Protein backbone atom coordinates (compact mmCIF):
# COMPACT_ATOMS: atom_id res chain seq x y z
CA MET A 1 34.64 -73.64 58.96
CA GLU A 2 35.05 -77.21 57.70
CA VAL A 3 36.24 -77.58 54.10
CA ARG A 4 34.38 -80.12 52.01
CA VAL A 5 34.20 -80.98 48.34
CA ALA A 6 31.33 -79.62 46.25
CA ARG A 7 30.84 -82.79 44.14
CA LEU A 8 32.76 -85.63 42.60
CA GLY A 9 34.58 -84.01 39.62
CA HIS A 10 35.83 -86.73 37.31
CA ILE A 11 37.35 -90.20 37.14
CA GLY A 12 40.63 -91.12 35.46
CA LEU A 13 41.27 -94.55 33.85
CA THR A 14 44.34 -96.13 32.36
CA VAL A 15 43.44 -98.20 29.31
CA ARG A 16 45.13 -100.32 26.64
CA ASP A 17 43.50 -98.62 23.62
CA ILE A 18 42.31 -94.99 23.90
CA ASP A 19 40.36 -95.05 20.66
CA ARG A 20 38.48 -98.24 21.57
CA THR A 21 37.60 -96.73 24.95
CA ILE A 22 36.42 -93.44 23.42
CA GLU A 23 34.23 -95.39 21.01
CA PHE A 24 32.72 -97.48 23.82
CA TYR A 25 31.81 -94.50 26.03
CA SER A 26 30.57 -92.48 23.06
CA THR A 27 28.55 -95.27 21.48
CA TYR A 28 26.86 -96.62 24.62
CA LEU A 29 26.77 -93.61 26.98
CA GLY A 30 26.64 -90.70 24.59
CA MET A 31 29.73 -89.05 26.13
CA ARG A 32 31.50 -86.55 23.91
CA LEU A 33 35.21 -86.15 23.28
CA THR A 34 36.53 -82.80 24.34
CA GLU A 35 40.09 -83.37 23.33
CA LYS A 36 42.76 -86.07 22.79
CA PHE A 37 46.50 -85.69 22.53
CA GLU A 38 49.96 -87.26 23.01
CA TYR A 39 51.95 -86.08 26.01
CA GLU A 40 55.51 -84.89 25.53
CA GLU A 41 57.90 -86.89 27.64
CA ASN A 42 58.59 -84.80 30.72
CA ARG A 43 60.27 -85.16 34.12
CA ILE A 44 57.18 -83.78 35.87
CA GLY A 45 53.46 -84.08 35.51
CA HIS A 46 51.54 -86.58 33.43
CA GLY A 47 54.33 -86.76 30.85
CA VAL A 48 56.44 -88.85 33.18
CA ALA A 49 54.25 -91.94 32.97
CA VAL A 50 51.41 -91.04 30.55
CA ALA A 51 51.90 -91.32 26.76
CA ALA A 52 48.45 -90.09 25.65
CA GLY A 53 45.25 -88.76 27.14
CA ALA A 54 41.61 -88.22 26.09
CA PHE A 55 38.96 -86.23 27.94
CA LEU A 56 35.24 -87.05 27.74
CA ARG A 57 32.25 -85.05 28.94
CA CYS A 58 28.55 -85.51 29.64
CA ASP A 59 27.63 -81.80 29.51
CA VAL A 60 29.49 -78.48 29.22
CA THR A 61 32.12 -79.34 31.83
CA HIS A 62 35.50 -80.00 30.15
CA HIS A 63 35.56 -83.60 31.34
CA GLU A 64 33.93 -86.07 33.68
CA MET A 65 36.29 -88.87 32.54
CA SER A 66 39.95 -88.76 31.67
CA ILE A 67 41.48 -91.75 29.82
CA PHE A 68 45.19 -92.38 29.75
CA ARG A 69 47.52 -94.75 27.84
CA MET A 70 50.68 -95.32 29.89
CA ARG A 71 54.20 -95.30 28.50
CA LYS A 72 55.56 -98.76 27.66
CA SER A 73 58.55 -98.16 29.96
CA ILE A 74 56.10 -97.91 32.90
CA LEU A 75 53.83 -100.90 32.13
CA GLY A 76 56.00 -102.97 29.83
CA ASP A 77 54.84 -104.64 26.66
CA ASP A 78 53.22 -107.48 28.55
CA ALA A 79 51.04 -105.48 30.97
CA PRO A 80 48.37 -107.77 32.46
CA ASP A 81 44.67 -107.16 31.90
CA ALA A 82 42.82 -105.22 34.57
CA PRO A 83 42.00 -107.55 37.49
CA ARG A 84 38.33 -108.46 38.01
CA HIS A 85 38.72 -108.13 41.81
CA GLY A 86 41.50 -106.32 43.59
CA PHE A 87 42.60 -103.10 45.20
CA GLY A 88 41.98 -99.79 43.55
CA LEU A 89 38.98 -98.84 41.39
CA HIS A 90 35.90 -100.96 42.08
CA HIS A 91 33.29 -99.45 39.75
CA ILE A 92 32.14 -96.29 38.01
CA ALA A 93 28.45 -95.42 38.33
CA PHE A 94 26.33 -93.42 35.86
CA GLU A 95 22.88 -92.09 36.63
CA LEU A 96 20.14 -92.28 33.95
CA SER A 97 17.30 -89.77 33.78
CA THR A 98 14.39 -92.20 33.45
CA PRO A 99 13.60 -95.94 33.84
CA GLU A 100 13.04 -96.04 30.08
CA ASP A 101 16.54 -94.67 29.47
CA LEU A 102 17.94 -97.34 31.83
CA LYS A 103 16.15 -100.12 29.91
CA ARG A 104 17.15 -98.68 26.53
CA LEU A 105 20.83 -98.59 27.54
CA TYR A 106 20.63 -102.13 28.90
CA THR A 107 19.18 -103.37 25.61
CA LYS A 108 21.69 -101.41 23.51
CA MET A 109 24.69 -102.76 25.44
CA ARG A 110 23.39 -106.32 25.56
CA ASP A 111 22.60 -106.34 21.84
CA GLY A 112 25.98 -104.75 21.14
CA GLY A 113 27.83 -107.59 22.82
CA VAL A 114 28.86 -105.71 25.91
CA GLU A 115 29.38 -108.03 28.95
CA ILE A 116 26.37 -107.57 31.22
CA VAL A 117 27.22 -108.68 34.78
CA ASP A 118 23.77 -108.57 36.41
CA ALA A 119 20.80 -106.31 37.34
CA ARG A 120 19.64 -105.63 40.91
CA LYS A 121 17.69 -103.54 43.33
CA GLY A 122 17.81 -102.99 47.07
CA GLY A 123 20.81 -102.32 49.30
CA PRO A 124 22.23 -98.91 50.16
CA GLY A 125 20.66 -96.29 47.90
CA ASN A 126 17.98 -98.83 46.88
CA GLN A 127 18.28 -97.97 43.16
CA PRO A 128 17.29 -100.26 40.28
CA ARG A 129 20.53 -100.81 38.34
CA PHE A 130 22.63 -103.00 36.11
CA TYR A 131 26.31 -103.66 35.83
CA ALA A 132 28.40 -104.12 32.72
CA ARG A 133 32.16 -104.13 31.80
CA ASP A 134 33.95 -101.66 29.56
CA PRO A 135 36.55 -102.83 27.00
CA ASP A 136 39.32 -102.94 29.70
CA GLY A 137 37.19 -104.90 32.19
CA ASN A 138 36.25 -101.98 34.43
CA LEU A 139 32.97 -102.52 36.24
CA LEU A 140 30.30 -99.96 35.35
CA GLU A 141 27.00 -99.36 37.18
CA PHE A 142 23.98 -97.76 35.51
CA TYR A 143 21.11 -96.73 37.72
CA TRP A 144 17.96 -94.65 38.10
CA GLY A 145 16.14 -93.50 41.21
CA ILE A 146 18.76 -93.58 43.90
CA ASP A 147 17.39 -92.55 47.34
CA LYS A 148 17.81 -88.95 48.44
CA ILE A 149 18.76 -87.98 51.99
CA GLY A 150 16.02 -85.89 53.65
CA TRP A 151 16.18 -83.00 56.08
CA GLU A 152 16.80 -85.36 59.00
CA GLY A 153 20.05 -86.55 57.43
CA ALA A 154 19.34 -90.25 57.74
CA ALA A 155 19.15 -92.94 55.09
CA ARG A 156 15.84 -94.70 55.03
CA GLY A 157 15.59 -98.45 55.25
CA TYR A 158 15.96 -100.57 52.16
CA ASP A 159 15.26 -104.04 50.92
CA PRO A 160 18.07 -106.57 50.71
CA ILE A 161 19.95 -106.74 47.42
CA GLU A 162 18.24 -109.02 44.93
CA GLY A 163 18.56 -109.76 41.26
CA ILE A 164 15.92 -108.42 38.88
CA ASP A 165 14.85 -108.83 35.32
CA LEU A 166 15.45 -105.19 34.40
CA LEU A 167 13.37 -105.21 31.22
CA ASN A 168 10.33 -106.64 32.99
CA PHE A 169 10.82 -104.81 36.29
CA ASP A 170 7.72 -102.91 37.43
CA PHE A 171 9.16 -99.46 38.04
CA ASP A 172 5.68 -97.96 38.79
CA ALA A 173 5.08 -100.44 41.64
CA TYR A 174 8.60 -99.81 42.88
CA VAL A 175 8.03 -96.03 43.09
CA GLU A 176 4.61 -96.50 44.75
CA GLN A 177 6.22 -98.78 47.40
CA ARG A 178 8.98 -96.26 48.02
CA GLU A 179 6.36 -93.49 48.49
CA ARG A 180 4.42 -95.66 50.99
CA ASP A 181 7.72 -96.35 52.84
CA ALA A 182 8.46 -92.61 52.91
CA VAL A 183 5.02 -91.77 54.32
CA SER A 184 5.53 -94.40 57.09
CA ALA A 185 9.00 -93.01 57.88
CA ARG A 186 7.63 -89.46 58.15
CA GLU A 187 4.80 -90.56 60.39
CA GLY A 188 7.32 -92.35 62.63
CA ILE A 189 9.44 -89.23 62.90
CA ARG A 190 6.48 -86.96 63.72
CA GLY A 191 4.87 -89.38 66.12
CA GLY A 192 1.83 -90.17 64.00
CA PRO A 193 -0.12 -89.03 60.98
CA ASN A 194 -1.70 -86.01 62.79
CA ALA A 195 1.21 -84.88 64.91
C-alpha cells in the first residue's frame, strides 16, 4: 500500500523579531500563541541553530505555524532581509470561511498599514484571493472558495488569472458562474443532460 501524507501539518519560518511576528499573525489572522521559549544551546536538534521559538495555532492543534529566531553565530549580526524572489519559501496560504471574512481581513490589513501586493481570481484553483506581506517580507495568500476535485479526479477549467477589486467583487455572480460551469462539465462527462 502506498504511503501518503494525511494533510499539510504546519509551516516553519525564521524571523528577525518573534514578538513582532506573533503580534502580526495574532492581530490580523486571529492565530493564538500556544507557547514561546528560548532554546538551550545544544549540539543536536533545534538548539544548534535556533535561539528561540514560538508556536501559533488556528484551532486545537498545538501549532500550524512555528516561528524561529536564529542564533547570531548562524546568521551574523548583519543578516540580509528576506528576498522578495528567490529559492525556498514562495508563499503561505490561508483559507477564509466566507467572502465577507476575506473582505474584512483585506480592509483590516490595508487600514493597518500592511503591504497589500494585489487581489486576483482565476488560474489553478480559481479562488478569489489577495496577497500581502508579513513583517519579514514573506508573501501571504488569503483566499475563499478554492475549487474542489470531484469524483473523476480532474481539475475543472478555469479563467486566466486577472486582477480584481476585491471589495467590489461580485462573489454571488462568481459562484453562479462556477455552478453553471460545473453543470456543463457534468453534462460533458455523462454525454448530455439526460444520459
